Amino acid sequence: MGTSTKFFALVLCFLLIASYEMAASEAYKICQKMSKTWSGPCSITSRCNNQCRKWEKAKQGACHWKGFGFACFCYFKC
């Protein structure tokens, strides 16, 4: 009887922790989109970051490789 109670408690704790982790990961989900206001190649990430924050209301922005050059990508909450 004692072993099954301990096992049940352990499974219950695992399920509680797993459900908490799933909720936390969904709360911080970030979506990446290519900037709609940036023109030309992106070589300075800080400028891309400022553009995304000011003009597109994104959380942040960064230059990433796209095709044959670098493009500005903005990050939003999904």
PDB file of N, CA and C in Angstrom:
ATOM      1  N   MET A   1       0.832  -1.193   0.000  1.00  0.00           N
ATOM      2  CA  MET A   1       0.000   0.000   0.000  1.00  0.00           C
ATOM      3  C   MET A   1       0.873   1.252   0.000  1.00  0.00           C
ATOM      4  N   GLY A   2       1.938   1.251   0.757  1.00  0.00           N
ATOM      5  CA  GLY A   2       2.816   2.408   0.835  1.00  0.00           C
ATOM      6  C   GLY A   2       3.523   2.689  -0.476  1.00  0.00           C
ATOM      7  N   THR A   3       3.910   1.631  -1.194  1.00  0.00           N
ATOM      8  CA  THR A   3       4.612   1.801  -2.461  1.00  0.00           C
ATOM      9  C   THR A   3       3.700   2.404  -3.522  1.00  0.00           C
ATOM     10  N   SER A   4       2.459   1.951  -3.591  1.00  0.00           N
ATOM     11  CA  SER A   4       1.542   2.491  -4.596  1.00  0.00           C
ATOM     12  C   SER A   4       1.185   3.946  -4.302  1.00  0.00           C
ATOM     13  N   THR A   5       1.112   4.315  -3.033  1.00  0.00           N
ATOM     14  CA  THR A   5       0.832   5.705  -2.662  1.00  0.00           C
ATOM     15  C   THR A   5       1.989   6.611  -3.077  1.00  0.00           C
ATOM     16  N   LYS A   6       3.212   6.145  -2.847  1.00  0.00           N
ATOM     17  CA  LYS A   6       4.388   6.928  -3.239  1.00  0.00           C
ATOM     18  C   LYS A   6       4.452   7.072  -4.760  1.00  0.00           C
ATOM     19  N   PHE A   7       4.148   5.985  -5.463  1.00  0.00           N
ATOM     20  CA  PHE A   7       4.157   6.020  -6.921  1.00  0.00           C
ATOM     21  C   PHE A   7       3.106   6.995  -7.451  1.00  0.00           C
ATOM     22  N   PHE A   8       1.914   6.952  -6.884  1.00  0.00           N
ATOM     23  CA  PHE A   8       0.840   7.862  -7.287  1.00  0.00           C
ATOM     24  C   PHE A   8       1.234   9.319  -7.031  1.00  0.00           C
ATOM     25  N   ALA A   9       1.846   9.587  -5.883  1.00  0.00           N
ATOM     26  CA  ALA A   9       2.286  10.949  -5.558  1.00  0.00           C
ATOM     27  C   ALA A   9       3.363  11.415  -6.536  1.00  0.00           C
ATOM     28  N   LEU A  10       4.267  10.519  -6.891  1.00  0.00           N
ATOM     29  CA  LEU A  10       5.328  10.857  -7.837  1.00  0.00           C
ATOM     30  C   LEU A  10       4.753  11.174  -9.221  1.00  0.00           C
ATOM     31  N   VAL A  11       3.806  10.376  -9.680  1.00  0.00           N
ATOM     32  CA  VAL A  11       3.160  10.618 -10.972  1.00  0.00           C
ATOM     33  C   VAL A  11       2.398  11.935 -10.951  1.00  0.00           C
ATOM     34  N   LEU A  12       1.710  12.215  -9.865  1.00  0.00           N
ATOM     35  CA  LEU A  12       0.967  13.467  -9.730  1.00  0.00           C
ATOM     36  C   LEU A  12       1.906  14.671  -9.782  1.00  0.00           C
ATOM     37  N   CYS A  13       3.035  14.587  -9.087  1.00  0.00           N
ATOM     38  CA  CYS A  13       4.019  15.680  -9.128  1.00  0.00           C
ATOM     39  C   CYS A  13       4.556  15.875 -10.542  1.00  0.00           C
ATOM     40  N   PHE A  14       4.842  14.786 -11.223  1.00  0.00           N
ATOM     41  CA  PHE A  14       5.337  14.874 -12.594  1.00  0.00           C
ATOM     42  C   PHE A  14       4.328  15.563 -13.505  1.00  0.00           C
ATOM     43  N   LEU A  15       3.070  15.197 -13.387  1.00  0.00           N
ATOM     44  CA  LEU A  15       2.030  15.805 -14.222  1.00  0.00           C
ATOM     45  C   LEU A  15       1.867  17.292 -13.928  1.00  0.00           C
ATOM     46  N   LEU A  16       1.958  17.675 -12.670  1.00  0.00           N
ATOM     47  CA  LEU A  16       1.851  19.095 -12.319  1.00  0.00           C
ATOM     48  C   LEU A  16       3.011  19.897 -12.895  1.00  0.00           C
ATOM     49  N   ILE A  17       4.210  19.367 -12.776  1.00  0.00           N
ATOM     50  CA  ILE A  17       5.389  20.064 -13.302  1.00  0.00           C
ATOM     51  C   ILE A  17       5.321  20.141 -14.828  1.00  0.00           C
ATOM     52  N   ALA A  18       4.928  19.055 -15.476  1.00  0.00           N
ATOM     53  CA  ALA A  18       4.843  19.039 -16.943  1.00  0.00           C
ATOM     54  C   ALA A  18       3.807  20.037 -17.448  1.00  0.00           C
ATOM     55  N   SER A  19       2.663  20.127 -16.788  1.00  0.00           N
ATOM     56  CA  SER A  19       1.637  21.074 -17.233  1.00  0.00           C
ATOM     57  C   SER A  19       2.089  22.512 -17.015  1.00  0.00           C
ATOM     58  N   TYR A  20       2.831  22.771 -15.948  1.00  0.00           N
ATOM     59  CA  TYR A  20       3.356  24.114 -15.693  1.00  0.00           C
ATOM     60  C   TYR A  20       4.367  24.498 -16.772  1.00  0.00           C
ATOM     61  N   GLU A  21       5.245  23.579 -17.152  1.00  0.00           N
ATOM     62  CA  GLU A  21       6.248  23.854 -18.180  1.00  0.00           C
ATOM     63  C   GLU A  21       5.598  24.127 -19.529  1.00  0.00           C
ATOM     64  N   MET A  22       4.556  23.403 -19.875  1.00  0.00           N
ATOM     65  CA  MET A  22       3.867  23.630 -21.148  1.00  0.00           C
ATOM     66  C   MET A  22       3.226  25.004 -21.168  1.00  0.00           C
ATOM     67  N   ALA A  23       2.621  25.428 -20.072  1.00  0.00           N
ATOM     68  CA  ALA A  23       1.985  26.745 -20.012  1.00  0.00           C
ATOM     69  C   ALA A  23       3.035  27.845 -20.096  1.00  0.00           C
ATOM     70  N   ALA A  24       4.173  27.658 -19.448  1.00  0.00           N
ATOM     71  CA  ALA A  24       5.232  28.667 -19.466  1.00  0.00           C
ATOM     72  C   ALA A  24       5.832  28.801 -20.856  1.00  0.00           C
ATOM     73  N   SER A  25       6.023  27.700 -21.563  1.00  0.00           N
ATOM     74  CA  SER A  25       6.622  27.791 -22.893  1.00  0.00           C
ATOM     75  C   SER A  25       5.677  28.449 -23.891  1.00  0.00           C
ATOM     76  N   GLU A  26       4.376  28.267 -23.751  1.00  0.00           N
ATOM     77  CA  GLU A  26       3.422  28.915 -24.646  1.00  0.00           C
ATOM     78  C   GLU A  26       3.324  30.408 -24.365  1.00  0.00           C
ATOM     79  N   ALA A  27       3.549  30.826 -23.130  1.00  0.00           N
ATOM     80  CA  ALA A  27       3.458  32.235 -22.776  1.00  0.00           C
ATOM     81  C   ALA A  27       4.585  33.044 -23.416  1.00  0.00           C
ATOM     82  N   TYR A  28       5.725  32.415 -23.696  1.00  0.00           N
ATOM     83  CA  TYR A  28       6.879  33.120 -24.234  1.00  0.00           C
ATOM     84  C   TYR A  28       7.153  32.769 -25.691  1.00  0.00           C
ATOM     85  N   LYS A  29       6.153  32.340 -26.410  1.00  0.00           N
ATOM     86  CA  LYS A  29       6.339  31.959 -27.803  1.00  0.00           C
ATOM     87  C   LYS A  29       6.597  33.210 -28.643  1.00  0.00           C
ATOM     88  N   ILE A  30       7.638  33.168 -29.452  1.00  0.00           N
ATOM     89  CA  ILE A  30       8.035  34.299 -30.282  1.00  0.00           C
ATOM     90  C   ILE A  30       7.944  33.891 -31.752  1.00  0.00           C
ATOM     91  N   CYS A  31       7.378  34.779 -32.574  1.00  0.00           N
ATOM     92  CA  CYS A  31       7.286  34.547 -34.017  1.00  0.00           C
ATOM     93  C   CYS A  31       8.244  35.484 -34.746  1.00  0.00           C
ATOM     94  N   GLN A  32       8.913  34.951 -35.744  1.00  0.00           N
ATOM     95  CA  GLN A  32       9.859  35.722 -36.549  1.00  0.00           C
ATOM     96  C   GLN A  32       9.212  36.069 -37.881  1.00  0.00           C
ATOM     97  N   LYS A  33       9.304  37.349 -38.262  1.00  0.00           N
ATOM     98  CA  LYS A  33       8.779  37.796 -39.557  1.00  0.00           C
ATOM     99  C   LYS A  33       9.792  38.739 -40.187  1.00  0.00           C
ATOM    100  N   MET A  34       9.899  38.664 -41.481  1.00  0.00           N
ATOM    101  CA  MET A  34      10.770  39.590 -42.192  1.00  0.00           C
ATOM    102  C   MET A  34      10.175  40.992 -42.089  1.00  0.00           C
ATOM    103  N   SER A  35      11.022  41.988 -41.854  1.00  0.00           N
ATOM    104  CA  SER A  35      10.557  43.359 -41.681  1.00  0.00           C
ATOM    105  C   SER A  35       9.838  43.865 -42.926  1.00  0.00           C
ATOM    106  N   LYS A  36       8.735  44.558 -42.707  1.00  0.00           N
ATOM    107  CA  LYS A  36       7.973  45.146 -43.813  1.00  0.00           C
ATOM    108  C   LYS A  36       8.431  46.571 -44.113  1.00  0.00           C
ATOM    109  N   THR A  37       9.154  47.194 -43.185  1.00  0.00           N
ATOM    110  CA  THR A  37       9.559  48.587 -43.363  1.00  0.00           C
ATOM    111  C   THR A  37      11.041  48.736 -43.710  1.00  0.00           C
ATOM    112  N   TRP A  38      11.825  47.682 -43.616  1.00  0.00           N
ATOM    113  CA  TRP A  38      13.255  47.749 -43.903  1.00  0.00           C
ATOM    114  C   TRP A  38      13.478  47.619 -45.401  1.00  0.00           C
ATOM    115  N   SER A  39      14.403  48.417 -45.946  1.00  0.00           N
ATOM    116  CA  SER A  39      14.753  48.296 -47.365  1.00  0.00           C
ATOM    117  C   SER A  39      16.261  48.139 -47.485  1.00  0.00           C
ATOM    118  N   GLY A  40      16.686  47.294 -48.393  1.00  0.00           N
ATOM    119  CA  GLY A  40      18.106  47.065 -48.613  1.00  0.00           C
ATOM    120  C   GLY A  40      18.664  45.981 -47.719  1.00  0.00           C
ATOM    121  N   PRO A  41      19.979  45.725 -47.889  1.00  0.00           N
ATOM    122  CA  PRO A  41      20.612  44.694 -47.069  1.00  0.00           C
ATOM    123  C   PRO A  41      20.732  45.138 -45.611  1.00  0.00           C
ATOM    124  N   CYS A  42      20.737  44.187 -44.731  1.00  0.00           N
ATOM    125  CA  CYS A  42      20.828  44.462 -43.291  1.00  0.00           C
ATOM    126  C   CYS A  42      22.229  44.091 -42.818  1.00  0.00           C
ATOM    127  N   SER A  43      22.997  45.081 -42.416  1.00  0.00           N
ATOM    128  CA  SER A  43      24.365  44.808 -41.977  1.00  0.00           C
ATOM    129  C   SER A  43      24.602  45.174 -40.515  1.00  0.00           C
ATOM    130  N   ILE A  44      23.732  46.004 -39.938  1.00  0.00           N
ATOM    131  CA  ILE A  44      23.902  46.422 -38.541  1.00  0.00           C
ATOM    132  C   ILE A  44      22.638  46.054 -37.765  1.00  0.00           C
ATOM    133  N   THR A  45      22.765  45.047 -36.912  1.00  0.00           N
ATOM    134  CA  THR A  45      21.615  44.516 -36.182  1.00  0.00           C
ATOM    135  C   THR A  45      20.959  45.562 -35.289  1.00  0.00           C
ATOM    136  N   SER A  46      21.735  46.458 -34.707  1.00  0.00           N
ATOM    137  CA  SER A  46      21.145  47.460 -33.808  1.00  0.00           C
ATOM    138  C   SER A  46      20.184  48.384 -34.560  1.00  0.00           C
ATOM    139  N   ARG A  47      20.484  48.695 -35.814  1.00  0.00           N
ATOM    140  CA  ARG A  47      19.574  49.531 -36.613  1.00  0.00           C
ATOM    141  C   ARG A  47      18.299  48.767 -36.963  1.00  0.00           C
ATOM    142  N   CYS A  48      18.455  47.501 -37.282  1.00  0.00           N
ATOM    143  CA  CYS A  48      17.293  46.648 -37.553  1.00  0.00           C
ATOM    144  C   CYS A  48      16.427  46.546 -36.296  1.00  0.00           C
ATOM    145  N   ASN A  49      17.054  46.376 -35.156  1.00  0.00           N
ATOM    146  CA  ASN A  49      16.341  46.290 -33.884  1.00  0.00           C
ATOM    147  C   ASN A  49      15.535  47.563 -33.628  1.00  0.00           C
ATOM    148  N   ASN A  50      16.157  48.724 -33.834  1.00  0.00           N
ATOM    149  CA  ASN A  50      15.450  49.998 -33.646  1.00  0.00           C
ATOM    150  C   ASN A  50      14.276  50.136 -34.616  1.00  0.00           C
ATOM    151  N   GLN A  51      14.491  49.770 -35.862  1.00  0.00           N
ATOM    152  CA  GLN A  51      13.433  49.854 -36.874  1.00  0.00           C
ATOM    153  C   GLN A  51      12.241  48.972 -36.487  1.00  0.00           C
ATOM    154  N   CYS A  52      12.523  47.748 -36.082  1.00  0.00           N
ATOM    155  CA  CYS A  52      11.447  46.818 -35.708  1.00  0.00           C
ATOM    156  C   CYS A  52      10.674  47.330 -34.497  1.00  0.00           C
ATOM    157  N   ARG A  53      11.383  47.853 -33.518  1.00  0.00           N
ATOM    158  CA  ARG A  53      10.716  48.329 -32.300  1.00  0.00           C
ATOM    159  C   ARG A  53       9.894  49.590 -32.548  1.00  0.00           C
ATOM    160  N   LYS A  54      10.450  50.545 -33.262  1.00  0.00           N
ATOM    161  CA  LYS A  54       9.768  51.832 -33.447  1.00  0.00           C
ATOM    162  C   LYS A  54       8.653  51.771 -34.490  1.00  0.00           C
ATOM    163  N   TRP A  55       8.928  51.151 -35.630  1.00  0.00           N
ATOM    164  CA  TRP A  55       7.988  51.198 -36.748  1.00  0.00           C
ATOM    165  C   TRP A  55       7.011  50.030 -36.791  1.00  0.00           C
ATOM    166  N   GLU A  56       7.451  48.869 -36.312  1.00  0.00           N
ATOM    167  CA  GLU A  56       6.603  47.682 -36.421  1.00  0.00           C
ATOM    168  C   GLU A  56       6.114  47.175 -35.066  1.00  0.00           C
ATOM    169  N   LYS A  57       6.483  47.868 -34.000  1.00  0.00           N
ATOM    170  CA  LYS A  57       6.049  47.525 -32.635  1.00  0.00           C
ATOM    171  C   LYS A  57       6.406  46.088 -32.255  1.00  0.00           C
ATOM    172  N   ALA A  58       7.563  45.635 -32.699  1.00  0.00           N
ATOM    173  CA  ALA A  58       8.042  44.293 -32.378  1.00  0.00           C
ATOM    174  C   ALA A  58       8.804  44.319 -31.055  1.00  0.00           C
ATOM    175  N   LYS A  59       9.033  43.155 -30.493  1.00  0.00           N
ATOM    176  CA  LYS A  59       9.820  43.041 -29.263  1.00  0.00           C
ATOM    177  C   LYS A  59      11.287  43.319 -29.541  1.00  0.00           C
ATOM    178  N   GLN A  60      11.785  42.834 -30.692  1.00  0.00           N
ATOM    179  CA  GLN A  60      13.164  43.086 -31.088  1.00  0.00           C
ATOM    180  C   GLN A  60      13.345  42.753 -32.555  1.00  0.00           C
ATOM    181  N   GLY A  61      14.522  43.066 -33.076  1.00  0.00           N
ATOM    182  CA  GLY A  61      14.843  42.770 -34.463  1.00  0.00           C
ATOM    183  C   GLY A  61      16.304  42.393 -34.595  1.00  0.00           C
ATOM    184  N   ALA A  62      16.646  41.687 -35.681  1.00  0.00           N
ATOM    185  CA  ALA A  62      18.025  41.264 -35.904  1.00  0.00           C
ATOM    186  C   ALA A  62      18.240  40.962 -37.382  1.00  0.00           C
ATOM    187  N   CYS A  63      19.495  41.103 -37.825  1.00  0.00           N
ATOM    188  CA  CYS A  63      19.874  40.773 -39.193  1.00  0.00           C
ATOM    189  C   CYS A  63      20.187  39.279 -39.272  1.00  0.00           C
ATOM    190  N   HIS A  64      19.600  38.600 -40.263  1.00  0.00           N
ATOM    191  CA  HIS A  64      19.852  37.177 -40.478  1.00  0.00           C
ATOM    192  C   HIS A  64      20.026  36.906 -41.962  1.00  0.00           C
ATOM    193  N   TRP A  65      20.756  35.839 -42.265  1.00  0.00           N
ATOM    194  CA  TRP A  65      21.000  35.434 -43.640  1.00  0.00           C
ATOM    195  C   TRP A  65      19.701  35.009 -44.302  1.00  0.00           C
ATOM    196  N   LYS A  66      19.448  35.546 -45.490  1.00  0.00           N
ATOM    197  CA  LYS A  66      18.230  35.217 -46.250  1.00  0.00           C
ATOM    198  C   LYS A  66      18.604  35.193 -47.719  1.00  0.00           C
ATOM    199  N   GLY A  67      18.562  34.039 -48.341  1.00  0.00           N
ATOM    200  CA  GLY A  67      18.876  33.943 -49.764  1.00  0.00           C
ATOM    201  C   GLY A  67      20.329  34.262 -50.057  1.00  0.00           C
ATOM    202  N   PHE A  68      20.579  35.403 -50.708  1.00  0.00           N
ATOM    203  CA  PHE A  68      21.930  35.784 -51.087  1.00  0.00           C
ATOM    204  C   PHE A  68      22.485  36.943 -50.265  1.00  0.00           C
ATOM    205  N   GLY A  69      21.836  37.309 -49.178  1.00  0.00           N
ATOM    206  CA  GLY A  69      22.314  38.400 -48.345  1.00  0.00           C
ATOM    207  C   GLY A  69      21.622  38.404 -46.998  1.00  0.00           C
ATOM    208  N   PHE A  70      21.840  39.459 -46.250  1.00  0.00           N
ATOM    209  CA  PHE A  70      21.244  39.583 -44.928  1.00  0.00           C
ATOM    210  C   PHE A  70      19.984  40.434 -44.998  1.00  0.00           C
ATOM    211  N   ALA A  71      18.971  40.031 -44.250  1.00  0.00           N
ATOM    212  CA  ALA A  71      17.701  40.753 -44.196  1.00  0.00           C
ATOM    213  C   ALA A  71      17.361  41.036 -42.738  1.00  0.00           C
ATOM    214  N   CYS A  72      16.517  42.025 -42.528  1.00  0.00           N
ATOM    215  CA  CYS A  72      16.079  42.406 -41.185  1.00  0.00           C
ATOM    216  C   CYS A  72      14.839  41.588 -40.813  1.00  0.00           C
ATOM    217  N   PHE A  73      14.909  40.912 -39.684  1.00  0.00           N
ATOM    218  CA  PHE A  73      13.784  40.129 -39.181  1.00  0.00           C
ATOM    219  C   PHE A  73      13.325  40.705 -37.853  1.00  0.00           C
ATOM    220  N   CYS A  74      12.012  40.794 -37.685  1.00  0.00           N
ATOM    221  CA  CYS A  74      11.416  41.295 -36.450  1.00  0.00           C
ATOM    222  C   CYS A  74      10.798  40.133 -35.680  1.00  0.00           C
ATOM    223  N   TYR A  75      10.816  40.246 -34.362  1.00  0.00           N
ATOM    224  CA  TYR A  75      10.293  39.197 -33.490  1.00  0.00           C
ATOM    225  C   TYR A  75       9.107  39.727 -32.700  1.00  0.00           C
ATOM    226  N   PHE A  76       7.986  39.034 -32.816  1.00  0.00           N
ATOM    227  CA  PHE A  76       6.734  39.410 -32.164  1.00  0.00           C
ATOM    228  C   PHE A  76       6.269  38.285 -31.251  1.00  0.00           C
ATOM    229  N   LYS A  77       5.406  38.644 -30.280  1.00  0.00           N
ATOM    230  CA  LYS A  77       4.713  37.606 -29.515  1.00  0.00           C
ATOM    231  C   LYS A  77       3.679  36.977 -30.427  1.00  0.00           C
ATOM    232  N   CYS A  78       3.583  35.664 -30.415  1.00  0.00           N
ATOM    233  CA  CYS A  78       2.593  34.957 -31.249  1.00  0.00           C
ATOM    234  C   CYS A  78       1.210  35.028 -30.632  1.00  0.00           C
TER     235      CYS A  78
END
